[in-house]
């Protein structure tokens, strides 16, 4: 298996070079793209998540995705088409409400 490593490295370098040429991407941009978790599947929210009437719908969903699915604020924001700061504020507000109960 170790014999494959140099070949894999050559292929990776070729891929990076092609991406740089074809799309005008910097090496840092390519690394960011390869390390970003892209949401390829639908997110299913159980109806029971919405049962707490003290929380708004966005608050309930944000809490569920952050606490149960362990998603990052940026991932939640992307999935819900919201600003990351909005998701952060919503999460913190919802956490305070739940803690009071």
PDB file of N, CA and C in Angstrom:
ATOM      1  N   UNK A   1       0.820  -1.204   0.000  1.00  0.00           N
ATOM      2  CA  UNK A   1       0.000   0.000   0.000  1.00  0.00           C
ATOM      3  C   UNK A   1       0.858   1.261   0.000  1.00  0.00           C
ATOM      4  N   UNK A   2       2.035   1.200   0.672  1.00  0.00           N
ATOM      5  CA  UNK A   2       2.895   2.376   0.699  1.00  0.00           C
ATOM      6  C   UNK A   2       3.438   2.724  -0.681  1.00  0.00           C
ATOM      7  N   UNK A   3       3.538   1.742  -1.575  1.00  0.00           N
ATOM      8  CA  UNK A   3       3.989   2.007  -2.928  1.00  0.00           C
ATOM      9  C   UNK A   3       3.033   2.883  -3.708  1.00  0.00           C
ATOM     10  N   UNK A   4       1.779   2.935  -3.277  1.00  0.00           N
ATOM     11  CA  UNK A   4       0.762   3.742  -3.950  1.00  0.00           C
ATOM     12  C   UNK A   4       0.821   5.214  -3.559  1.00  0.00           C
ATOM     13  N   UNK A   5       1.449   5.536  -2.432  1.00  0.00           N
ATOM     14  CA  UNK A   5       1.456   6.908  -1.917  1.00  0.00           C
ATOM     15  C   UNK A   5       2.080   7.908  -2.894  1.00  0.00           C
ATOM     16  N   UNK A   6       3.253   7.624  -3.475  1.00  0.00           N
ATOM     17  CA  UNK A   6       3.813   8.590  -4.429  1.00  0.00           C
ATOM     18  C   UNK A   6       2.906   8.815  -5.632  1.00  0.00           C
ATOM     19  N   UNK A   7       2.289   7.739  -6.117  1.00  0.00           N
ATOM     20  CA  UNK A   7       1.375   7.847  -7.254  1.00  0.00           C
ATOM     21  C   UNK A   7       0.159   8.699  -6.885  1.00  0.00           C
ATOM     22  N   UNK A   8      -0.349   8.495  -5.690  1.00  0.00           N
ATOM     23  CA  UNK A   8      -1.501   9.278  -5.213  1.00  0.00           C
ATOM     24  C   UNK A   8      -1.130  10.747  -5.070  1.00  0.00           C
ATOM     25  N   UNK A   9       0.071  11.012  -4.557  1.00  0.00           N
ATOM     26  CA  UNK A   9       0.536  12.391  -4.408  1.00  0.00           C
ATOM     27  C   UNK A   9       0.662  13.069  -5.776  1.00  0.00           C
ATOM     28  N   UNK A  10       1.170  12.341  -6.769  1.00  0.00           N
ATOM     29  CA  UNK A  10       1.292  12.896  -8.124  1.00  0.00           C
ATOM     30  C   UNK A  10      -0.084  13.230  -8.693  1.00  0.00           C
ATOM     31  N   UNK A  11      -1.040  12.324  -8.477  1.00  0.00           N
ATOM     32  CA  UNK A  11      -2.399  12.557  -8.974  1.00  0.00           C
ATOM     33  C   UNK A  11      -3.032  13.762  -8.291  1.00  0.00           C
ATOM     34  N   UNK A  12      -2.790  13.893  -6.994  1.00  0.00           N
ATOM     35  CA  UNK A  12      -3.334  15.034  -6.254  1.00  0.00           C
ATOM     36  C   UNK A  12      -2.736  16.333  -6.775  1.00  0.00           C
ATOM     37  N   UNK A  13      -1.421  16.352  -6.969  1.00  0.00           N
ATOM     38  CA  UNK A  13      -0.765  17.556  -7.485  1.00  0.00           C
ATOM     39  C   UNK A  13      -1.285  17.925  -8.870  1.00  0.00           C
ATOM     40  N   UNK A  14      -1.499  16.926  -9.706  1.00  0.00           N
ATOM     41  CA  UNK A  14      -2.045  17.161 -11.044  1.00  0.00           C
ATOM     42  C   UNK A  14      -3.465  17.730 -10.950  1.00  0.00           C
ATOM     43  N   UNK A  15      -4.251  17.181 -10.046  1.00  0.00           N
ATOM     44  CA  UNK A  15      -5.611  17.680  -9.841  1.00  0.00           C
ATOM     45  C   UNK A  15      -5.592  19.140  -9.391  1.00  0.00           C
ATOM     46  N   UNK A  16      -4.725  19.465  -8.440  1.00  0.00           N
ATOM     47  CA  UNK A  16      -4.612  20.842  -7.950  1.00  0.00           C
ATOM     48  C   UNK A  16      -4.210  21.779  -9.085  1.00  0.00           C
ATOM     49  N   UNK A  17      -3.220  21.373  -9.858  1.00  0.00           N
ATOM     50  CA  UNK A  17      -2.776  22.203 -10.983  1.00  0.00           C
ATOM     51  C   UNK A  17      -3.907  22.442 -11.980  1.00  0.00           C
ATOM     52  N   UNK A  18      -4.668  21.394 -12.284  1.00  0.00           N
ATOM     53  CA  UNK A  18      -5.780  21.533 -13.225  1.00  0.00           C
ATOM     54  C   UNK A  18      -6.864  22.446 -12.681  1.00  0.00           C
ATOM     55  N   UNK A  19      -7.173  22.323 -11.409  1.00  0.00           N
ATOM     56  CA  UNK A  19      -8.183  23.200 -10.804  1.00  0.00           C
ATOM     57  C   UNK A  19      -7.726  24.653 -10.818  1.00  0.00           C
ATOM     58  N   UNK A  20      -6.445  24.851 -10.568  1.00  0.00           N
ATOM     59  CA  UNK A  20      -5.912  26.207 -10.594  1.00  0.00           C
ATOM     60  C   UNK A  20      -6.012  26.803 -11.996  1.00  0.00           C
ATOM     61  N   UNK A  21      -5.671  26.007 -13.004  1.00  0.00           N
ATOM     62  CA  UNK A  21      -5.711  26.491 -14.390  1.00  0.00           C
ATOM     63  C   UNK A  21      -7.147  26.693 -14.879  1.00  0.00           C
ATOM     64  N   UNK A  22      -7.990  25.689 -14.658  1.00  0.00           N
ATOM     65  CA  UNK A  22      -9.357  25.729 -15.188  1.00  0.00           C
ATOM     66  C   UNK A  22     -10.235  26.771 -14.514  1.00  0.00           C
ATOM     67  N   UNK A  23     -10.101  26.899 -13.199  1.00  0.00           N
ATOM     68  CA  UNK A  23     -11.032  27.747 -12.460  1.00  0.00           C
ATOM     69  C   UNK A  23     -10.374  28.955 -11.804  1.00  0.00           C
ATOM     70  N   UNK A  24      -9.084  29.097 -11.963  1.00  0.00           N
ATOM     71  CA  UNK A  24      -8.393  30.244 -11.387  1.00  0.00           C
ATOM     72  C   UNK A  24      -8.410  30.247  -9.869  1.00  0.00           C
ATOM     73  N   UNK A  25      -8.402  29.062  -9.278  1.00  0.00           N
ATOM     74  CA  UNK A  25      -8.445  28.956  -7.823  1.00  0.00           C
ATOM     75  C   UNK A  25      -7.037  28.959  -7.241  1.00  0.00           C
ATOM     76  N   UNK A  26      -6.909  29.553  -6.063  1.00  0.00           N
ATOM     77  CA  UNK A  26      -5.638  29.480  -5.356  1.00  0.00           C
ATOM     78  C   UNK A  26      -5.551  28.142  -4.627  1.00  0.00           C
ATOM     79  N   UNK A  27      -4.353  27.806  -4.198  1.00  0.00           N
ATOM     80  CA  UNK A  27      -4.167  26.555  -3.470  1.00  0.00           C
ATOM     81  C   UNK A  27      -5.002  26.559  -2.190  1.00  0.00           C
ATOM     82  N   UNK A  28      -5.047  27.701  -1.490  1.00  0.00           N
ATOM     83  CA  UNK A  28      -5.840  27.810  -0.263  1.00  0.00           C
ATOM     84  C   UNK A  28      -7.333  27.604  -0.541  1.00  0.00           C
ATOM     85  N   UNK A  29      -7.826  28.138  -1.652  1.00  0.00           N
ATOM     86  CA  UNK A  29      -9.233  27.948  -2.004  1.00  0.00           C
ATOM     87  C   UNK A  29      -9.533  26.483  -2.280  1.00  0.00           C
ATOM     88  N   UNK A  30      -8.613  25.803  -2.929  1.00  0.00           N
ATOM     89  CA  UNK A  30      -8.805  24.375  -3.213  1.00  0.00           C
ATOM     90  C   UNK A  30      -8.822  23.581  -1.912  1.00  0.00           C
ATOM     91  N   UNK A  31      -7.912  23.903  -0.994  1.00  0.00           N
ATOM     92  CA  UNK A  31      -7.903  23.221   0.301  1.00  0.00           C
ATOM     93  C   UNK A  31      -9.200  23.457   1.062  1.00  0.00           C
ATOM     94  N   UNK A  32      -9.695  24.683   1.004  1.00  0.00           N
ATOM     95  CA  UNK A  32     -10.960  24.999   1.683  1.00  0.00           C
ATOM     96  C   UNK A  32     -12.111  24.190   1.100  1.00  0.00           C
ATOM     97  N   UNK A  33     -12.136  24.079  -0.214  1.00  0.00           N
ATOM     98  CA  UNK A  33     -13.196  23.308  -0.860  1.00  0.00           C
ATOM     99  C   UNK A  33     -13.131  21.834  -0.497  1.00  0.00           C
ATOM    100  N   UNK A  34     -11.930  21.294  -0.396  1.00  0.00           N
ATOM    101  CA  UNK A  34     -11.794  19.872  -0.097  1.00  0.00           C
ATOM    102  C   UNK A  34     -12.062  19.571   1.368  1.00  0.00           C
ATOM    103  N   UNK A  35     -11.951  20.569   2.242  1.00  0.00           N
ATOM    104  CA  UNK A  35     -12.180  20.314   3.665  1.00  0.00           C
ATOM    105  C   UNK A  35     -13.583  20.702   4.102  1.00  0.00           C
ATOM    106  N   UNK A  36     -14.338  21.353   3.238  1.00  0.00           N
ATOM    107  CA  UNK A  36     -15.688  21.772   3.577  1.00  0.00           C
ATOM    108  C   UNK A  36     -16.648  20.603   3.444  1.00  0.00           C
ATOM    109  N   UNK A  37     -17.442  20.400   4.466  1.00  0.00           N
ATOM    110  CA  UNK A  37     -18.460  19.351   4.410  1.00  0.00           C
ATOM    111  C   UNK A  37     -19.635  19.902   3.604  1.00  0.00           C
ATOM    112  N   UNK A  38     -19.892  19.302   2.493  1.00  0.00           N
ATOM    113  CA  UNK A  38     -20.982  19.748   1.635  1.00  0.00           C
ATOM    114  C   UNK A  38     -22.204  18.899   1.938  1.00  0.00           C
ATOM    115  N   UNK A  39     -23.324  19.565   2.156  1.00  0.00           N
ATOM    116  CA  UNK A  39     -24.552  18.852   2.472  1.00  0.00           C
ATOM    117  C   UNK A  39     -25.121  18.233   1.206  1.00  0.00           C
ATOM    118  N   UNK A  40     -24.972  16.936   1.072  1.00  0.00           N
ATOM    119  CA  UNK A  40     -25.438  16.243  -0.116  1.00  0.00           C
ATOM    120  C   UNK A  40     -26.756  15.529   0.116  1.00  0.00           C
ATOM    121  N   UNK A  41     -27.138  15.380   1.362  1.00  0.00           N
ATOM    122  CA  UNK A  41     -28.364  14.649   1.647  1.00  0.00           C
ATOM    123  C   UNK A  41     -29.370  15.576   2.320  1.00  0.00           C
ATOM    124  N   UNK A  42     -30.612  15.201   2.215  1.00  0.00           N
ATOM    125  CA  UNK A  42     -31.659  15.986   2.847  1.00  0.00           C
ATOM    126  C   UNK A  42     -31.571  15.806   4.352  1.00  0.00           C
ATOM    127  N   UNK A  43     -31.957  16.837   5.070  1.00  0.00           N
ATOM    128  CA  UNK A  43     -31.960  16.775   6.524  1.00  0.00           C
ATOM    129  C   UNK A  43     -33.395  16.517   6.959  1.00  0.00           C
ATOM    130  N   UNK A  44     -33.576  15.463   7.710  1.00  0.00           N
ATOM    131  CA  UNK A  44     -34.900  15.117   8.205  1.00  0.00           C
ATOM    132  C   UNK A  44     -35.036  15.591   9.649  1.00  0.00           C
ATOM    133  N   UNK A  45     -36.062  16.398   9.887  1.00  0.00           N
ATOM    134  CA  UNK A  45     -36.328  16.923  11.222  1.00  0.00           C
ATOM    135  C   UNK A  45     -37.543  16.189  11.775  1.00  0.00           C
ATOM    136  N   UNK A  46     -37.383  15.457  12.871  1.00  0.00           N
ATOM    137  CA  UNK A  46     -38.542  14.784  13.465  1.00  0.00           C
ATOM    138  C   UNK A  46     -39.566  15.806  13.963  1.00  0.00           C
ATOM    139  N   UNK A  47     -40.835  15.501  13.808  1.00  0.00           N
ATOM    140  CA  UNK A  47     -41.887  16.425  14.235  1.00  0.00           C
ATOM    141  C   UNK A  47     -41.821  16.726  15.726  1.00  0.00           C
ATOM    142  N   UNK A  48     -41.362  15.775  16.521  1.00  0.00           N
ATOM    143  CA  UNK A  48     -41.293  15.984  17.971  1.00  0.00           C
ATOM    144  C   UNK A  48     -40.358  17.132  18.344  1.00  0.00           C
ATOM    145  N   UNK A  49     -39.453  17.485  17.439  1.00  0.00           N
ATOM    146  CA  UNK A  49     -38.548  18.609  17.676  1.00  0.00           C
ATOM    147  C   UNK A  49     -39.341  19.906  17.840  1.00  0.00           C
ATOM    148  N   UNK A  50     -40.485  19.983  17.174  1.00  0.00           N
ATOM    149  CA  UNK A  50     -41.285  21.215  17.181  1.00  0.00           C
ATOM    150  C   UNK A  50     -42.330  21.256  18.296  1.00  0.00           C
ATOM    151  N   UNK A  51     -42.322  20.277  19.197  1.00  0.00           N
ATOM    152  CA  UNK A  51     -43.376  20.193  20.214  1.00  0.00           C
ATOM    153  C   UNK A  51     -43.270  21.249  21.309  1.00  0.00           C
ATOM    154  N   UNK A  52     -42.088  21.800  21.540  1.00  0.00           N
ATOM    155  CA  UNK A  52     -41.919  22.811  22.581  1.00  0.00           C
ATOM    156  C   UNK A  52     -42.511  24.136  22.105  1.00  0.00           C
ATOM    157  N   UNK A  53     -43.629  24.500  22.663  1.00  0.00           N
ATOM    158  CA  UNK A  53     -44.337  25.716  22.217  1.00  0.00           C
ATOM    159  C   UNK A  53     -43.676  27.006  22.688  1.00  0.00           C
ATOM    160  N   UNK A  54     -42.706  26.891  23.570  1.00  0.00           N
ATOM    161  CA  UNK A  54     -41.977  28.074  24.036  1.00  0.00           C
ATOM    162  C   UNK A  54     -40.935  28.533  23.012  1.00  0.00           C
ATOM    163  N   UNK A  55     -40.616  27.637  22.099  1.00  0.00           N
ATOM    164  CA  UNK A  55     -39.607  27.944  21.084  1.00  0.00           C
ATOM    165  C   UNK A  55     -40.261  28.163  19.728  1.00  0.00           C
ATOM    166  N   UNK A  56     -39.677  29.057  18.962  1.00  0.00           N
ATOM    167  CA  UNK A  56     -40.117  29.238  17.591  1.00  0.00           C
ATOM    168  C   UNK A  56     -39.596  28.098  16.735  1.00  0.00           C
ATOM    169  N   UNK A  57     -40.088  28.012  15.528  1.00  0.00           N
ATOM    170  CA  UNK A  57     -39.702  26.928  14.636  1.00  0.00           C
ATOM    171  C   UNK A  57     -38.202  26.959  14.341  1.00  0.00           C
ATOM    172  N   UNK A  58     -37.666  28.128  14.012  1.00  0.00           N
ATOM    173  CA  UNK A  58     -36.243  28.249  13.716  1.00  0.00           C
ATOM    174  C   UNK A  58     -35.411  27.895  14.945  1.00  0.00           C
ATOM    175  N   UNK A  59     -35.862  28.314  16.121  1.00  0.00           N
ATOM    176  CA  UNK A  59     -35.141  27.988  17.354  1.00  0.00           C
ATOM    177  C   UNK A  59     -35.103  26.477  17.580  1.00  0.00           C
ATOM    178  N   UNK A  60     -36.232  25.822  17.409  1.00  0.00           N
ATOM    179  CA  UNK A  60     -36.312  24.375  17.616  1.00  0.00           C
ATOM    180  C   UNK A  60     -35.416  23.621  16.641  1.00  0.00           C
ATOM    181  N   UNK A  61     -35.481  24.010  15.386  1.00  0.00           N
ATOM    182  CA  UNK A  61     -34.688  23.331  14.362  1.00  0.00           C
ATOM    183  C   UNK A  61     -33.199  23.572  14.585  1.00  0.00           C
ATOM    184  N   UNK A  62     -32.846  24.799  14.930  1.00  0.00           N
ATOM    185  CA  UNK A  62     -31.441  25.123  15.172  1.00  0.00           C
ATOM    186  C   UNK A  62     -30.897  24.334  16.353  1.00  0.00           C
ATOM    187  N   UNK A  63     -31.667  24.267  17.436  1.00  0.00           N
ATOM    188  CA  UNK A  63     -31.247  23.478  18.597  1.00  0.00           C
ATOM    189  C   UNK A  63     -31.042  22.014  18.222  1.00  0.00           C
ATOM    190  N   UNK A  64     -31.966  21.464  17.480  1.00  0.00           N
ATOM    191  CA  UNK A  64     -31.887  20.064  17.078  1.00  0.00           C
ATOM    192  C   UNK A  64     -30.642  19.803  16.230  1.00  0.00           C
ATOM    193  N   UNK A  65     -30.425  20.635  15.229  1.00  0.00           N
ATOM    194  CA  UNK A  65     -29.293  20.418  14.332  1.00  0.00           C
ATOM    195  C   UNK A  65     -27.948  20.601  15.044  1.00  0.00           C
ATOM    196  N   UNK A  66     -27.895  21.550  15.963  1.00  0.00           N
ATOM    197  CA  UNK A  66     -26.643  21.805  16.685  1.00  0.00           C
ATOM    198  C   UNK A  66     -26.389  20.733  17.744  1.00  0.00           C
ATOM    199  N   UNK A  67     -27.395  20.455  18.574  1.00  0.00           N
ATOM    200  CA  UNK A  67     -27.193  19.562  19.714  1.00  0.00           C
ATOM    201  C   UNK A  67     -27.288  18.083  19.354  1.00  0.00           C
ATOM    202  N   UNK A  68     -28.221  17.726  18.516  1.00  0.00           N
ATOM    203  CA  UNK A  68     -28.435  16.308  18.201  1.00  0.00           C
ATOM    204  C   UNK A  68     -27.626  15.846  16.988  1.00  0.00           C
ATOM    205  N   UNK A  69     -27.567  16.672  15.962  1.00  0.00           N
ATOM    206  CA  UNK A  69     -26.842  16.301  14.741  1.00  0.00           C
ATOM    207  C   UNK A  69     -25.395  16.807  14.754  1.00  0.00           C
ATOM    208  N   UNK A  70     -25.055  17.595  15.778  1.00  0.00           N
ATOM    209  CA  UNK A  70     -23.698  18.119  15.970  1.00  0.00           C
ATOM    210  C   UNK A  70     -23.165  18.861  14.748  1.00  0.00           C
ATOM    211  N   UNK A  71     -24.047  19.641  14.128  1.00  0.00           N
ATOM    212  CA  UNK A  71     -23.641  20.434  12.978  1.00  0.00           C
ATOM    213  C   UNK A  71     -23.026  21.749  13.454  1.00  0.00           C
ATOM    214  N   UNK A  72     -22.151  22.310  12.658  1.00  0.00           N
ATOM    215  CA  UNK A  72     -21.557  23.607  12.939  1.00  0.00           C
ATOM    216  C   UNK A  72     -22.573  24.692  12.577  1.00  0.00           C
ATOM    217  N   UNK A  73     -22.412  25.869  13.183  1.00  0.00           N
ATOM    218  CA  UNK A  73     -23.315  26.980  12.865  1.00  0.00           C
ATOM    219  C   UNK A  73     -23.279  27.298  11.370  1.00  0.00           C
ATOM    220  N   UNK A  74     -22.096  27.229  10.777  1.00  0.00           N
ATOM    221  CA  UNK A  74     -21.981  27.531   9.344  1.00  0.00           C
ATOM    222  C   UNK A  74     -22.740  26.509   8.498  1.00  0.00           C
ATOM    223  N   UNK A  75     -22.712  25.249   8.915  1.00  0.00           N
ATOM    224  CA  UNK A  75     -23.442  24.206   8.184  1.00  0.00           C
ATOM    225  C   UNK A  75     -24.954  24.401   8.304  1.00  0.00           C
ATOM    226  N   UNK A  76     -25.386  24.739   9.506  1.00  0.00           N
ATOM    227  CA  UNK A  76     -26.818  24.982   9.729  1.00  0.00           C
ATOM    228  C   UNK A  76     -27.271  26.171   8.900  1.00  0.00           C
ATOM    229  N   UNK A  77     -26.475  27.229   8.919  1.00  0.00           N
ATOM    230  CA  UNK A  77     -26.806  28.433   8.152  1.00  0.00           C
ATOM    231  C   UNK A  77     -26.926  28.116   6.670  1.00  0.00           C
ATOM    232  N   UNK A  78     -26.006  27.323   6.153  1.00  0.00           N
ATOM    233  CA  UNK A  78     -26.038  26.961   4.737  1.00  0.00           C
ATOM    234  C   UNK A  78     -27.270  26.118   4.428  1.00  0.00           C
ATOM    235  N   UNK A  79     -27.560  25.157   5.297  1.00  0.00           N
ATOM    236  CA  UNK A  79     -28.697  24.257   5.073  1.00  0.00           C
ATOM    237  C   UNK A  79     -30.022  25.005   5.118  1.00  0.00           C
ATOM    238  N   UNK A  80     -30.113  26.003   5.997  1.00  0.00           N
ATOM    239  CA  UNK A  80     -31.365  26.751   6.167  1.00  0.00           C
ATOM    240  C   UNK A  80     -31.389  28.058   5.381  1.00  0.00           C
ATOM    241  N   UNK A  81     -30.332  28.305   4.624  1.00  0.00           N
ATOM    242  CA  UNK A  81     -30.232  29.528   3.832  1.00  0.00           C
ATOM    243  C   UNK A  81     -30.389  30.777   4.703  1.00  0.00           C
ATOM    244  N   UNK A  82     -29.646  30.781   5.803  1.00  0.00           N
ATOM    245  CA  UNK A  82     -29.661  31.908   6.743  1.00  0.00           C
ATOM    246  C   UNK A  82     -28.232  32.376   6.973  1.00  0.00           C
ATOM    247  N   UNK A  83     -28.101  33.560   7.537  1.00  0.00           N
ATOM    248  CA  UNK A  83     -26.805  34.089   7.910  1.00  0.00           C
ATOM    249  C   UNK A  83     -26.300  33.332   9.144  1.00  0.00           C
ATOM    250  N   UNK A  84     -25.012  33.056   9.175  1.00  0.00           N
ATOM    251  CA  UNK A  84     -24.423  32.316  10.291  1.00  0.00           C
ATOM    252  C   UNK A  84     -24.631  33.042  11.623  1.00  0.00           C
ATOM    253  N   UNK A  85     -24.603  34.368  11.600  1.00  0.00           N
ATOM    254  CA  UNK A  85     -24.807  35.146  12.840  1.00  0.00           C
ATOM    255  C   UNK A  85     -26.235  35.003  13.351  1.00  0.00           C
ATOM    256  N   UNK A  86     -27.185  34.898  12.431  1.00  0.00           N
ATOM    257  CA  UNK A  86     -28.576  34.687  12.807  1.00  0.00           C
ATOM    258  C   UNK A  86     -28.740  33.339  13.488  1.00  0.00           C
ATOM    259  N   UNK A  87     -28.098  32.323  12.953  1.00  0.00           N
ATOM    260  CA  UNK A  87     -28.178  30.981  13.522  1.00  0.00           C
ATOM    261  C   UNK A  87     -27.557  30.963  14.915  1.00  0.00           C
ATOM    262  N   UNK A  88     -26.414  31.610  15.069  1.00  0.00           N
ATOM    263  CA  UNK A  88     -25.745  31.672  16.371  1.00  0.00           C
ATOM    264  C   UNK A  88     -26.647  32.346  17.401  1.00  0.00           C
ATOM    265  N   UNK A  89     -27.211  33.496  17.035  1.00  0.00           N
ATOM    266  CA  UNK A  89     -28.079  34.239  17.957  1.00  0.00           C
ATOM    267  C   UNK A  89     -29.338  33.435  18.286  1.00  0.00           C
ATOM    268  N   UNK A  90     -29.917  32.798  17.296  1.00  0.00           N
ATOM    269  CA  UNK A  90     -31.115  31.985  17.492  1.00  0.00           C
ATOM    270  C   UNK A  90     -30.827  30.824  18.441  1.00  0.00           C
ATOM    271  N   UNK A  91     -29.698  30.178  18.236  1.00  0.00           N
ATOM    272  CA  UNK A  91     -29.315  29.049  19.085  1.00  0.00           C
ATOM    273  C   UNK A  91     -29.159  29.492  20.541  1.00  0.00           C
ATOM    274  N   UNK A  92     -28.446  30.582  20.743  1.00  0.00           N
ATOM    275  CA  UNK A  92     -28.216  31.063  22.112  1.00  0.00           C
ATOM    276  C   UNK A  92     -29.509  31.494  22.798  1.00  0.00           C
ATOM    277  N   UNK A  93     -30.386  32.135  22.068  1.00  0.00           N
ATOM    278  CA  UNK A  93     -31.681  32.542  22.607  1.00  0.00           C
ATOM    279  C   UNK A  93     -32.509  31.305  22.980  1.00  0.00           C
ATOM    280  N   UNK A  94     -32.513  30.307  22.120  1.00  0.00           N
ATOM    281  CA  UNK A  94     -33.264  29.078  22.374  1.00  0.00           C
ATOM    282  C   UNK A  94     -32.686  28.323  23.567  1.00  0.00           C
ATOM    283  N   UNK A  95     -31.372  28.278  23.689  1.00  0.00           N
ATOM    284  CA  UNK A  95     -30.722  27.598  24.814  1.00  0.00           C
ATOM    285  C   UNK A  95     -31.152  28.234  26.141  1.00  0.00           C
ATOM    286  N   UNK A  96     -31.203  29.566  26.177  1.00  0.00           N
ATOM    287  CA  UNK A  96     -31.621  30.270  27.398  1.00  0.00           C
ATOM    288  C   UNK A  96     -33.068  29.916  27.750  1.00  0.00           C
ATOM    289  N   UNK A  97     -33.928  29.870  26.746  1.00  0.00           N
ATOM    290  CA  UNK A  97     -35.329  29.519  26.986  1.00  0.00           C
ATOM    291  C   UNK A  97     -35.450  28.101  27.542  1.00  0.00           C
ATOM    292  N   UNK A  98     -34.707  27.173  26.959  1.00  0.00           N
ATOM    293  CA  UNK A  98     -34.779  25.769  27.395  1.00  0.00           C
ATOM    294  C   UNK A  98     -34.215  25.618  28.801  1.00  0.00           C
ATOM    295  N   UNK A  99     -33.155  26.338  29.109  1.00  0.00           N
ATOM    296  CA  UNK A  99     -32.539  26.258  30.430  1.00  0.00           C
ATOM    297  C   UNK A  99     -33.470  26.776  31.531  1.00  0.00           C
ATOM    298  N   UNK A 100     -34.330  27.733  31.196  1.00  0.00           N
ATOM    299  CA  UNK A 100     -35.287  28.291  32.166  1.00  0.00           C
ATOM    300  C   UNK A 100     -36.395  27.305  32.490  1.00  0.00           C
ATOM    301  N   UNK A 101     -36.671  26.375  31.604  1.00  0.00           N
ATOM    302  CA  UNK A 101     -37.790  25.454  31.789  1.00  0.00           C
ATOM    303  C   UNK A 101     -37.499  24.406  32.826  1.00  0.00           C
TER     304      UNK A 101
END
